[in-house]
Amino acid sequence: MVPERILVVRLGAMGDILHAMPAVATLRCSFPGSRISWAVKPRFRELLDGGGLAAEVIPIDRGSYSGVRDAARRLRAAPFDLAVDFQGLVQSALVAAVAGAAQVVGFDAAHVRERPAALFYTHTVAVRSAHVVDMNLELAAAAGAWHKVIEFPLPPGAPEGDLPDGPFVLAAPFAGWASKQWPLENYETLALRLSRELDVTLVLNGSPAQAAGLKKVRGAAVHVSSIAGLIDATRRCAATLGVDSGPMHLGAALGRPGVAVFGPTDPARNGPYSPLVRTLRSPLARTTYKRGGMLDPSMRAVGPDAVFQALKAVL
């Protein structure tokens, strides 16, 4: 039976939402007459509004009673035939449960991030793929989606702040885990060399809270923006430079050439899903998904010269 109303649950974060987009696009193409609603944290809805992937965006704001109440009301406003939980947390599984969908599809206990989440699903899936994007596509296929597409339908974004008139490399130095960050002093070395040898500006993007730290990097321009501004800047850049964080995955999703520096996380699972982005990782790097509060030594092992040469090649 073709589901008339589909609920997608992927609350955050930026890179994870991007990694779910091809699977949701596959659901949309397989069930063109269905209405897709996407449950997401409010801070990430700019990735979805105006992109055309979901007919409805349901913000899940756990920070206030009124936010929880409003989300529950919207989830229960009309019955869902199918819910797909791409997150695998108890909180995301609870969102699907509150919606009361007739069928709830999610990863099995071996692949969810929190094992109790699988108890809320009516159908669990044991995925075999290595990359997260492909895992999500398997989940969509298990939900009945047959028309596989690799698309990242993103909104156009909106101009924010100042950007160079000439070519620039866009970098977002900070990540959710400090262990995944590239040393900030390396950006200064890189900025000077890009300017001197290639006449290209290095632009560092961040939130208002990160601006003070970014302004300490000599030779680089600083671009402070929301997600909408980041999308616009990414569309306009000559190349991206990233670590394992949302902005790097955004560049890959938008088809921009770039370089990604990896350390503790495995590029085979979480790397850029694009042939246009070159990945650099020390052979001595040890894979771990523990949220490290200090910069991982493997990130220091990738020096500015290696990154410059890789950027020069993709530029």
C-alpha atoms as a PDB file:
ATOM      1  CA  MET A   1       0.000   0.000   0.000  1.00  0.00           C
ATOM      2  CA  VAL A   2       1.313   3.442  -0.920  1.00  0.00           C
ATOM      3  CA  PRO A   3       1.695   5.633   2.174  1.00  0.00           C
ATOM      4  CA  GLU A   4      -0.236   8.876   1.917  1.00  0.00           C
ATOM      5  CA  ARG A   5       1.617  10.638   4.741  1.00  0.00           C
ATOM      6  CA  ILE A   6       5.267   9.960   5.618  1.00  0.00           C
ATOM      7  CA  LEU A   7       7.128  11.250   8.656  1.00  0.00           C
ATOM      8  CA  VAL A   8      10.907  11.577   8.422  1.00  0.00           C
ATOM      9  CA  VAL A   9      12.753  11.850  11.733  1.00  0.00           C
ATOM     10  CA  ARG A  10      16.293  13.231  11.607  1.00  0.00           C
ATOM     11  CA  LEU A  11      16.551  15.908  14.252  1.00  0.00           C
ATOM     12  CA  GLY A  12      20.187  16.963  13.714  1.00  0.00           C
ATOM     13  CA  ALA A  13      22.961  17.730  13.253  1.00  0.00           C
ATOM     14  CA  MET A  14      23.828  19.467   9.972  1.00  0.00           C
ATOM     15  CA  GLY A  15      25.976  16.739   8.440  1.00  0.00           C
ATOM     16  CA  ASP A  16      23.556  14.016   9.526  1.00  0.00           C
ATOM     17  CA  ILE A  17      20.601  15.839   7.970  1.00  0.00           C
ATOM     18  CA  LEU A  18      22.536  16.206   4.725  1.00  0.00           C
ATOM     19  CA  HIS A  19      23.395  12.509   4.799  1.00  0.00           C
ATOM     20  CA  ALA A  20      19.692  11.663   5.060  1.00  0.00           C
ATOM     21  CA  MET A  21      18.647  13.812   2.092  1.00  0.00           C
ATOM     22  CA  PRO A  22      19.245  11.244  -0.705  1.00  0.00           C
ATOM     23  CA  ALA A  23      17.177   8.692   1.223  1.00  0.00           C
ATOM     24  CA  VAL A  24      14.337  11.175   1.679  1.00  0.00           C
ATOM     25  CA  ALA A  25      14.603  12.197  -1.982  1.00  0.00           C
ATOM     26  CA  THR A  26      14.317   8.484  -2.785  1.00  0.00           C
ATOM     27  CA  LEU A  27      11.121   8.279  -0.699  1.00  0.00           C
ATOM     28  CA  ARG A  28       9.743  11.340  -2.503  1.00  0.00           C
ATOM     29  CA  CYS A  29      10.507   9.954  -5.980  1.00  0.00           C
ATOM     30  CA  SER A  30       9.161   6.506  -5.101  1.00  0.00           C
ATOM     31  CA  PHE A  31       5.927   7.889  -3.631  1.00  0.00           C
ATOM     32  CA  PRO A  32       5.279  11.092  -5.613  1.00  0.00           C
ATOM     33  CA  GLY A  33       1.724  11.404  -4.344  1.00  0.00           C
ATOM     34  CA  SER A  34       2.713  11.175  -0.673  1.00  0.00           C
ATOM     35  CA  ARG A  35       3.064  14.100   1.696  1.00  0.00           C
ATOM     36  CA  ILE A  36       6.396  14.094   3.530  1.00  0.00           C
ATOM     37  CA  SER A  37       6.836  15.816   6.889  1.00  0.00           C
ATOM     38  CA  TRP A  38      10.287  16.165   8.446  1.00  0.00           C
ATOM     39  CA  ALA A  39      10.797  16.419  12.216  1.00  0.00           C
ATOM     40  CA  VAL A  40      13.951  18.447  12.972  1.00  0.00           C
ATOM     41  CA  LYS A  41      15.496  20.625  15.653  1.00  0.00           C
ATOM     42  CA  PRO A  42      14.594  24.289  15.052  1.00  0.00           C
ATOM     43  CA  ARG A  43      18.208  25.403  14.554  1.00  0.00           C
ATOM     44  CA  PHE A  44      18.562  23.166  11.480  1.00  0.00           C
ATOM     45  CA  ARG A  45      15.296  23.899   9.680  1.00  0.00           C
ATOM     46  CA  GLU A  46      17.123  26.376   7.393  1.00  0.00           C
ATOM     47  CA  LEU A  47      18.552  23.290   5.664  1.00  0.00           C
ATOM     48  CA  LEU A  48      15.025  22.232   4.722  1.00  0.00           C
ATOM     49  CA  ASP A  49      12.868  25.344   4.309  1.00  0.00           C
ATOM     50  CA  GLY A  50      12.559  26.137   0.626  1.00  0.00           C
ATOM     51  CA  GLY A  51      14.412  23.067  -0.563  1.00  0.00           C
ATOM     52  CA  GLY A  52      11.278  21.260  -1.685  1.00  0.00           C
ATOM     53  CA  LEU A  53      12.220  17.976  -0.070  1.00  0.00           C
ATOM     54  CA  ALA A  54       9.529  18.045   2.631  1.00  0.00           C
ATOM     55  CA  ALA A  55       6.053  19.505   2.328  1.00  0.00           C
ATOM     56  CA  GLU A  56       6.076  20.265   6.042  1.00  0.00           C
ATOM     57  CA  VAL A  57       8.870  20.909   8.537  1.00  0.00           C
ATOM     58  CA  ILE A  58       7.961  20.103  12.141  1.00  0.00           C
ATOM     59  CA  PRO A  59      10.345  21.744  14.633  1.00  0.00           C
ATOM     60  CA  ILE A  60      11.048  19.639  17.714  1.00  0.00           C
ATOM     61  CA  ASP A  61      11.928  22.133  20.441  1.00  0.00           C
ATOM     62  CA  ARG A  62      12.623  20.265  23.670  1.00  0.00           C
ATOM     63  CA  GLY A  63      13.765  23.449  25.400  1.00  0.00           C
ATOM     64  CA  SER A  64      10.293  24.562  26.484  1.00  0.00           C
ATOM     65  CA  TYR A  65       6.963  23.063  27.461  1.00  0.00           C
ATOM     66  CA  SER A  66       5.175  25.029  24.754  1.00  0.00           C
ATOM     67  CA  GLY A  67       7.636  23.756  22.150  1.00  0.00           C
ATOM     68  CA  VAL A  68       7.050  20.128  23.128  1.00  0.00           C
ATOM     69  CA  ARG A  69       3.278  20.694  23.235  1.00  0.00           C
ATOM     70  CA  ASP A  70       3.183  22.329  19.801  1.00  0.00           C
ATOM     71  CA  ALA A  71       5.348  19.604  18.268  1.00  0.00           C
ATOM     72  CA  ALA A  72       3.121  16.875  19.720  1.00  0.00           C
ATOM     73  CA  ARG A  73       0.021  18.645  18.406  1.00  0.00           C
ATOM     74  CA  ARG A  74       1.435  18.841  14.883  1.00  0.00           C
ATOM     75  CA  LEU A  75       2.631  15.239  14.956  1.00  0.00           C
ATOM     76  CA  ARG A  76      -0.866  14.083  15.922  1.00  0.00           C
ATOM     77  CA  ALA A  77      -2.792  16.457  13.665  1.00  0.00           C
ATOM     78  CA  ALA A  78      -3.329  13.770  11.033  1.00  0.00           C
ATOM     79  CA  PRO A  79      -2.374  10.089  11.003  1.00  0.00           C
ATOM     80  CA  PHE A  80       0.909   9.067   9.412  1.00  0.00           C
ATOM     81  CA  ASP A  81       1.020   5.844   7.439  1.00  0.00           C
ATOM     82  CA  LEU A  82       4.805   5.559   7.665  1.00  0.00           C
ATOM     83  CA  ALA A  83       7.546   6.975   9.866  1.00  0.00           C
ATOM     84  CA  VAL A  84      11.253   6.472   9.139  1.00  0.00           C
ATOM     85  CA  ASP A  85      13.731   7.193  11.943  1.00  0.00           C
ATOM     86  CA  PHE A  86      17.119   7.936  10.410  1.00  0.00           C
ATOM     87  CA  GLN A  87      18.643   8.925  13.767  1.00  0.00           C
ATOM     88  CA  GLY A  88      18.393   5.868  15.977  1.00  0.00           C
ATOM     89  CA  LEU A  89      18.140   7.643  19.328  1.00  0.00           C
ATOM     90  CA  VAL A  90      15.504   7.128  21.977  1.00  0.00           C
ATOM     91  CA  GLN A  91      14.372  10.740  21.531  1.00  0.00           C
ATOM     92  CA  SER A  92      13.963  10.334  17.761  1.00  0.00           C
ATOM     93  CA  ALA A  93      12.159   7.017  18.197  1.00  0.00           C
ATOM     94  CA  LEU A  94       9.822   8.702  20.694  1.00  0.00           C
ATOM     95  CA  VAL A  95       9.000  11.372  18.106  1.00  0.00           C
ATOM     96  CA  ALA A  96       7.902   8.629  15.705  1.00  0.00           C
ATOM     97  CA  ALA A  97       5.946   6.948  18.501  1.00  0.00           C
ATOM     98  CA  VAL A  98       4.133  10.170  19.428  1.00  0.00           C
ATOM     99  CA  ALA A  99       3.108  10.568  15.775  1.00  0.00           C
ATOM    100  CA  GLY A 100       1.352   7.190  16.007  1.00  0.00           C
ATOM    101  CA  ALA A 101       2.430   6.021  12.557  1.00  0.00           C
ATOM    102  CA  ALA A 102       1.026   2.687  11.445  1.00  0.00           C
ATOM    103  CA  GLN A 103       4.512   1.553  10.414  1.00  0.00           C
ATOM    104  CA  VAL A 104       7.763   2.769  11.988  1.00  0.00           C
ATOM    105  CA  VAL A 105      11.006   1.771  10.252  1.00  0.00           C
ATOM    106  CA  GLY A 106      14.433   2.124  11.833  1.00  0.00           C
ATOM    107  CA  PHE A 107      17.850   0.526  12.174  1.00  0.00           C
ATOM    108  CA  ASP A 108      18.148  -2.715  14.114  1.00  0.00           C
ATOM    109  CA  ALA A 109      19.676  -2.898  17.592  1.00  0.00           C
ATOM    110  CA  ALA A 110      23.169  -3.439  16.170  1.00  0.00           C
ATOM    111  CA  HIS A 111      23.095  -0.185  14.185  1.00  0.00           C
ATOM    112  CA  VAL A 112      21.069   2.286  16.248  1.00  0.00           C
ATOM    113  CA  ARG A 113      23.033   4.750  18.358  1.00  0.00           C
ATOM    114  CA  GLU A 114      20.960   3.867  21.424  1.00  0.00           C
ATOM    115  CA  ARG A 115      19.830   0.244  21.516  1.00  0.00           C
ATOM    116  CA  PRO A 116      16.465   0.850  23.276  1.00  0.00           C
ATOM    117  CA  ALA A 117      15.384   2.960  20.295  1.00  0.00           C
ATOM    118  CA  ALA A 118      14.862  -0.200  18.235  1.00  0.00           C
ATOM    119  CA  LEU A 119      12.096  -1.274  20.638  1.00  0.00           C
ATOM    120  CA  PHE A 120       9.858   1.484  19.242  1.00  0.00           C
ATOM    121  CA  TYR A 121      10.025   0.290  15.623  1.00  0.00           C
ATOM    122  CA  THR A 122       7.571  -2.014  13.904  1.00  0.00           C
ATOM    123  CA  HIS A 123      10.245  -2.953  11.359  1.00  0.00           C
ATOM    124  CA  THR A 124      14.002  -2.972  11.933  1.00  0.00           C
ATOM    125  CA  VAL A 125      16.696  -3.043   9.262  1.00  0.00           C
ATOM    126  CA  ALA A 126      20.172  -4.611   9.416  1.00  0.00           C
ATOM    127  CA  VAL A 127      22.165  -2.443   6.997  1.00  0.00           C
ATOM    128  CA  ARG A 128      25.332  -3.594   5.238  1.00  0.00           C
ATOM    129  CA  SER A 129      26.686  -0.428   3.648  1.00  0.00           C
ATOM    130  CA  ALA A 130      29.825   1.324   4.881  1.00  0.00           C
ATOM    131  CA  HIS A 131      28.859   4.976   4.347  1.00  0.00           C
ATOM    132  CA  VAL A 132      26.067   6.658   6.305  1.00  0.00           C
ATOM    133  CA  VAL A 133      24.399   7.960   3.124  1.00  0.00           C
ATOM    134  CA  ASP A 134      24.147   4.414   1.790  1.00  0.00           C
ATOM    135  CA  MET A 135      22.899   3.115   5.150  1.00  0.00           C
ATOM    136  CA  ASN A 136      20.081   5.653   4.997  1.00  0.00           C
ATOM    137  CA  LEU A 137      19.283   4.602   1.434  1.00  0.00           C
ATOM    138  CA  GLU A 138      18.972   1.008   2.649  1.00  0.00           C
ATOM    139  CA  LEU A 139      16.535   2.184   5.309  1.00  0.00           C
ATOM    140  CA  ALA A 140      14.440   3.969   2.681  1.00  0.00           C
ATOM    141  CA  ALA A 141      14.451   0.843   0.511  1.00  0.00           C
ATOM    142  CA  ALA A 142      13.252  -1.240   3.467  1.00  0.00           C
ATOM    143  CA  ALA A 143      10.388   1.243   3.846  1.00  0.00           C
ATOM    144  CA  GLY A 144       9.329   0.451   0.278  1.00  0.00           C
ATOM    145  CA  ALA A 145      11.157   3.144  -1.688  1.00  0.00           C
ATOM    146  CA  TRP A 146      12.283   1.641  -4.976  1.00  0.00           C
ATOM    147  CA  HIS A 147      13.328   4.652  -7.095  1.00  0.00           C
ATOM    148  CA  LYS A 148      16.824   5.370  -5.762  1.00  0.00           C
ATOM    149  CA  VAL A 149      18.155   8.864  -6.384  1.00  0.00           C
ATOM    150  CA  ILE A 150      21.259  10.648  -5.141  1.00  0.00           C
ATOM    151  CA  GLU A 151      20.097  14.214  -4.637  1.00  0.00           C
ATOM    152  CA  PHE A 152      20.636  16.887  -2.009  1.00  0.00           C
ATOM    153  CA  PRO A 153      17.731  19.310  -2.494  1.00  0.00           C
ATOM    154  CA  LEU A 154      18.866  22.393  -0.612  1.00  0.00           C
ATOM    155  CA  PRO A 155      17.426  25.910  -0.483  1.00  0.00           C
ATOM    156  CA  PRO A 156      19.306  28.719  -2.269  1.00  0.00           C
ATOM    157  CA  GLY A 157      20.431  30.342   0.963  1.00  0.00           C
ATOM    158  CA  ALA A 158      20.693  34.088   1.493  1.00  0.00           C
ATOM    159  CA  PRO A 159      23.633  36.532   1.289  1.00  0.00           C
ATOM    160  CA  GLU A 160      25.020  37.495   4.684  1.00  0.00           C
ATOM    161  CA  GLY A 161      28.123  39.469   5.562  1.00  0.00           C
ATOM    162  CA  ASP A 162      30.962  40.396   3.229  1.00  0.00           C
ATOM    163  CA  LEU A 163      32.690  38.022   0.825  1.00  0.00           C
ATOM    164  CA  PRO A 164      35.688  38.702  -1.443  1.00  0.00           C
ATOM    165  CA  ASP A 165      35.071  39.868  -4.994  1.00  0.00           C
ATOM    166  CA  GLY A 166      37.690  37.427  -6.270  1.00  0.00           C
ATOM    167  CA  PRO A 167      38.002  33.657  -5.843  1.00  0.00           C
ATOM    168  CA  PHE A 168      38.013  32.330  -2.305  1.00  0.00           C
ATOM    169  CA  VAL A 169      38.322  29.078  -0.387  1.00  0.00           C
ATOM    170  CA  LEU A 170      35.640  28.697   2.268  1.00  0.00           C
ATOM    171  CA  ALA A 171      36.571  26.940   5.500  1.00  0.00           C
ATOM    172  CA  ALA A 172      34.681  26.279   8.738  1.00  0.00           C
ATOM    173  CA  PRO A 173      37.375  25.455  11.305  1.00  0.00           C
ATOM    174  CA  PHE A 174      35.194  24.420  14.227  1.00  0.00           C
ATOM    175  CA  ALA A 175      33.449  21.071  14.704  1.00  0.00           C
ATOM    176  CA  GLY A 176      31.079  19.585  17.232  1.00  0.00           C
ATOM    177  CA  TRP A 177      33.990  17.639  18.711  1.00  0.00           C
ATOM    178  CA  ALA A 178      37.255  19.427  19.378  1.00  0.00           C
ATOM    179  CA  SER A 179      39.109  16.216  18.497  1.00  0.00           C
ATOM    180  CA  LYS A 180      38.020  16.567  14.835  1.00  0.00           C
ATOM    181  CA  GLN A 181      39.372  20.100  14.397  1.00  0.00           C
ATOM    182  CA  TRP A 182      42.474  21.062  12.421  1.00  0.00           C
ATOM    183  CA  PRO A 183      44.881  23.330  14.368  1.00  0.00           C
ATOM    184  CA  LEU A 184      43.764  26.937  14.039  1.00  0.00           C
ATOM    185  CA  GLU A 185      47.335  28.151  13.515  1.00  0.00           C
ATOM    186  CA  ASN A 186      47.505  26.075  10.323  1.00  0.00           C
ATOM    187  CA  TYR A 187      44.815  28.241   8.744  1.00  0.00           C
ATOM    188  CA  GLU A 188      47.077  31.279   9.125  1.00  0.00           C
ATOM    189  CA  THR A 189      49.921  29.540   7.297  1.00  0.00           C
ATOM    190  CA  LEU A 190      47.517  28.384   4.612  1.00  0.00           C
ATOM    191  CA  ALA A 191      45.858  31.792   4.204  1.00  0.00           C
ATOM    192  CA  LEU A 192      49.176  33.511   3.569  1.00  0.00           C
ATOM    193  CA  ARG A 193      50.262  30.922   1.037  1.00  0.00           C
ATOM    194  CA  LEU A 194      46.946  30.889  -0.849  1.00  0.00           C
ATOM    195  CA  SER A 195      47.104  34.656  -1.152  1.00  0.00           C
ATOM    196  CA  ARG A 196      50.767  34.823  -2.120  1.00  0.00           C
ATOM    197  CA  GLU A 197      50.933  31.942  -4.588  1.00  0.00           C
ATOM    198  CA  LEU A 198      47.414  31.633  -5.997  1.00  0.00           C
ATOM    199  CA  ASP A 199      45.840  35.047  -5.354  1.00  0.00           C
ATOM    200  CA  VAL A 200      43.007  33.279  -3.546  1.00  0.00           C
ATOM    201  CA  THR A 201      41.487  34.447  -0.258  1.00  0.00           C
ATOM    202  CA  LEU A 202      40.860  32.073   2.618  1.00  0.00           C
ATOM    203  CA  VAL A 203      37.470  32.836   4.199  1.00  0.00           C
ATOM    204  CA  LEU A 204      36.686  31.405   7.635  1.00  0.00           C
ATOM    205  CA  ASN A 205      33.002  30.905   8.349  1.00  0.00           C
ATOM    206  CA  GLY A 206      31.492  30.664  11.796  1.00  0.00           C
ATOM    207  CA  SER A 207      28.667  31.669  14.071  1.00  0.00           C
ATOM    208  CA  PRO A 208      28.623  34.966  15.990  1.00  0.00           C
ATOM    209  CA  ALA A 209      29.897  33.104  19.066  1.00  0.00           C
ATOM    210  CA  GLN A 210      32.924  31.850  17.083  1.00  0.00           C
ATOM    211  CA  ALA A 211      33.800  35.152  15.412  1.00  0.00           C
ATOM    212  CA  ALA A 212      36.306  36.338  18.032  1.00  0.00           C
ATOM    213  CA  GLY A 213      38.396  33.188  17.687  1.00  0.00           C
ATOM    214  CA  LEU A 214      38.345  33.322  13.896  1.00  0.00           C
ATOM    215  CA  LYS A 215      39.467  36.945  13.795  1.00  0.00           C
ATOM    216  CA  LYS A 216      42.751  35.938  15.418  1.00  0.00           C
ATOM    217  CA  VAL A 217      43.794  34.137  12.230  1.00  0.00           C
ATOM    218  CA  ARG A 218      45.994  36.571  10.292  1.00  0.00           C
ATOM    219  CA  GLY A 219      45.575  36.790   6.548  1.00  0.00           C
ATOM    220  CA  ALA A 220      42.106  35.236   6.486  1.00  0.00           C
ATOM    221  CA  ALA A 221      38.752  36.940   5.995  1.00  0.00           C
ATOM    222  CA  VAL A 222      35.986  36.137   8.462  1.00  0.00           C
ATOM    223  CA  HIS A 223      32.411  35.439   7.392  1.00  0.00           C
ATOM    224  CA  VAL A 224      29.845  35.285  10.197  1.00  0.00           C
ATOM    225  CA  SER A 225      26.490  33.860   9.172  1.00  0.00           C
ATOM    226  CA  SER A 226      23.500  31.678   9.846  1.00  0.00           C
ATOM    227  CA  ILE A 227      23.010  28.408   7.975  1.00  0.00           C
ATOM    228  CA  ALA A 228      21.295  30.320   5.143  1.00  0.00           C
ATOM    229  CA  GLY A 229      24.355  32.549   4.785  1.00  0.00           C
ATOM    230  CA  LEU A 230      26.656  29.533   4.843  1.00  0.00           C
ATOM    231  CA  ILE A 231      24.668  27.901   2.041  1.00  0.00           C
ATOM    232  CA  ASP A 232      24.943  31.052  -0.073  1.00  0.00           C
ATOM    233  CA  ALA A 233      28.686  31.425   0.583  1.00  0.00           C
ATOM    234  CA  THR A 234      29.290  27.752  -0.224  1.00  0.00           C
ATOM    235  CA  ARG A 235      27.523  28.114  -3.560  1.00  0.00           C
ATOM    236  CA  ARG A 236      29.780  31.073  -4.404  1.00  0.00           C
ATOM    237  CA  CYS A 237      33.180  29.755  -3.296  1.00  0.00           C
ATOM    238  CA  ALA A 238      35.886  28.363  -5.583  1.00  0.00           C
ATOM    239  CA  ALA A 239      36.543  25.464  -3.206  1.00  0.00           C
ATOM    240  CA  THR A 240      35.908  24.364   0.344  1.00  0.00           C
ATOM    241  CA  LEU A 241      38.215  23.235   3.124  1.00  0.00           C
ATOM    242  CA  GLY A 242      36.664  21.262   5.928  1.00  0.00           C
ATOM    243  CA  VAL A 243      36.918  18.759   8.702  1.00  0.00           C
ATOM    244  CA  ASP A 244      34.334  16.129   9.609  1.00  0.00           C
ATOM    245  CA  SER A 245      31.562  18.638  10.288  1.00  0.00           C
ATOM    246  CA  GLY A 246      28.389  19.967   8.686  1.00  0.00           C
ATOM    247  CA  PRO A 247      29.921  22.710   6.509  1.00  0.00           C
ATOM    248  CA  MET A 248      32.266  20.237   4.807  1.00  0.00           C
ATOM    249  CA  HIS A 249      29.343  17.917   4.031  1.00  0.00           C
ATOM    250  CA  LEU A 250      27.379  20.925   2.778  1.00  0.00           C
ATOM    251  CA  GLY A 251      30.129  21.681   0.260  1.00  0.00           C
ATOM    252  CA  ALA A 252      30.071  18.082  -0.944  1.00  0.00           C
ATOM    253  CA  ALA A 253      26.270  18.131  -1.202  1.00  0.00           C
ATOM    254  CA  LEU A 254      26.392  21.316  -3.300  1.00  0.00           C
ATOM    255  CA  GLY A 255      28.954  19.822  -5.660  1.00  0.00           C
ATOM    256  CA  ARG A 256      31.796  22.154  -4.743  1.00  0.00           C
ATOM    257  CA  PRO A 257      35.392  20.951  -5.145  1.00  0.00           C
ATOM    258  CA  GLY A 258      37.309  20.827  -1.912  1.00  0.00           C
ATOM    259  CA  VAL A 259      39.600  19.194   0.611  1.00  0.00           C
ATOM    260  CA  ALA A 260      38.572  17.426   3.808  1.00  0.00           C
ATOM    261  CA  VAL A 261      40.966  16.742   6.678  1.00  0.00           C
ATOM    262  CA  PHE A 262      40.039  13.670   8.718  1.00  0.00           C
ATOM    263  CA  GLY A 263      41.459  12.233  11.915  1.00  0.00           C
ATOM    264  CA  PRO A 264      39.623  10.128  14.505  1.00  0.00           C
ATOM    265  CA  THR A 265      36.520   9.438  12.398  1.00  0.00           C
ATOM    266  CA  ASP A 266      36.548   7.085   9.418  1.00  0.00           C
ATOM    267  CA  PRO A 267      36.108   8.692   5.963  1.00  0.00           C
ATOM    268  CA  ALA A 268      34.707   5.416   4.647  1.00  0.00           C
ATOM    269  CA  ARG A 269      31.731   5.925   6.960  1.00  0.00           C
ATOM    270  CA  ASN A 270      31.523   9.697   7.365  1.00  0.00           C
ATOM    271  CA  GLY A 271      33.610  11.139   4.556  1.00  0.00           C
ATOM    272  CA  PRO A 272      32.471  13.592   1.876  1.00  0.00           C
ATOM    273  CA  TYR A 273      29.922  11.945  -0.404  1.00  0.00           C
ATOM    274  CA  SER A 274      31.387  13.479  -3.538  1.00  0.00           C
ATOM    275  CA  PRO A 275      34.203  12.657  -5.980  1.00  0.00           C
ATOM    276  CA  LEU A 276      35.080  16.374  -6.090  1.00  0.00           C
ATOM    277  CA  VAL A 277      36.359  16.470  -2.505  1.00  0.00           C
ATOM    278  CA  ARG A 278      39.799  15.057  -1.703  1.00  0.00           C
ATOM    279  CA  THR A 279      40.247  13.527   1.735  1.00  0.00           C
ATOM    280  CA  LEU A 280      43.508  13.786   3.688  1.00  0.00           C
ATOM    281  CA  ARG A 281      44.104  11.530   6.682  1.00  0.00           C
ATOM    282  CA  SER A 282      47.258  10.458   8.456  1.00  0.00           C
ATOM    283  CA  PRO A 283      48.025   6.712   8.102  1.00  0.00           C
ATOM    284  CA  LEU A 284      48.639   6.744  11.856  1.00  0.00           C
ATOM    285  CA  ALA A 285      45.084   7.902  12.648  1.00  0.00           C
ATOM    286  CA  ARG A 286      43.116   5.615  14.932  1.00  0.00           C
ATOM    287  CA  THR A 287      39.370   5.449  14.413  1.00  0.00           C
ATOM    288  CA  THR A 288      37.238   6.368  17.388  1.00  0.00           C
ATOM    289  CA  TYR A 289      33.820   7.938  17.797  1.00  0.00           C
ATOM    290  CA  LYS A 290      34.310   9.106  21.351  1.00  0.00           C
ATOM    291  CA  ARG A 291      33.601  12.825  21.640  1.00  0.00           C
ATOM    292  CA  GLY A 292      37.116  14.046  22.361  1.00  0.00           C
ATOM    293  CA  GLY A 293      37.482  17.415  24.033  1.00  0.00           C
ATOM    294  CA  MET A 294      41.063  17.906  22.835  1.00  0.00           C
ATOM    295  CA  LEU A 295      42.475  18.086  19.330  1.00  0.00           C
ATOM    296  CA  ASP A 296      43.393  14.594  18.146  1.00  0.00           C
ATOM    297  CA  PRO A 297      47.127  14.115  17.317  1.00  0.00           C
ATOM    298  CA  SER A 298      46.177  12.697  13.910  1.00  0.00           C
ATOM    299  CA  MET A 299      44.758  16.087  12.933  1.00  0.00           C
ATOM    300  CA  ARG A 300      48.128  17.717  13.654  1.00  0.00           C
ATOM    301  CA  ALA A 301      49.796  15.080  11.489  1.00  0.00           C
ATOM    302  CA  VAL A 302      48.233  16.624   8.355  1.00  0.00           C
ATOM    303  CA  GLY A 303      50.298  19.749   7.743  1.00  0.00           C
ATOM    304  CA  PRO A 304      49.502  23.004   5.918  1.00  0.00           C
ATOM    305  CA  ASP A 305      51.695  22.079   2.950  1.00  0.00           C
ATOM    306  CA  ALA A 306      49.715  18.894   2.248  1.00  0.00           C
ATOM    307  CA  VAL A 307      46.455  20.837   2.443  1.00  0.00           C
ATOM    308  CA  PHE A 308      47.802  23.616   0.196  1.00  0.00           C
ATOM    309  CA  GLN A 309      48.919  21.141  -2.460  1.00  0.00           C
ATOM    310  CA  ALA A 310      45.544  19.380  -2.371  1.00  0.00           C
ATOM    311  CA  LEU A 311      43.673  22.677  -2.646  1.00  0.00           C
ATOM    312  CA  LYS A 312      45.923  23.771  -5.491  1.00  0.00           C
ATOM    313  CA  ALA A 313      45.013  20.572  -7.350  1.00  0.00           C
ATOM    314  CA  VAL A 314      41.239  20.956  -6.909  1.00  0.00           C
ATOM    315  CA  LEU A 315      41.363  24.672  -7.735  1.00  0.00           C
END
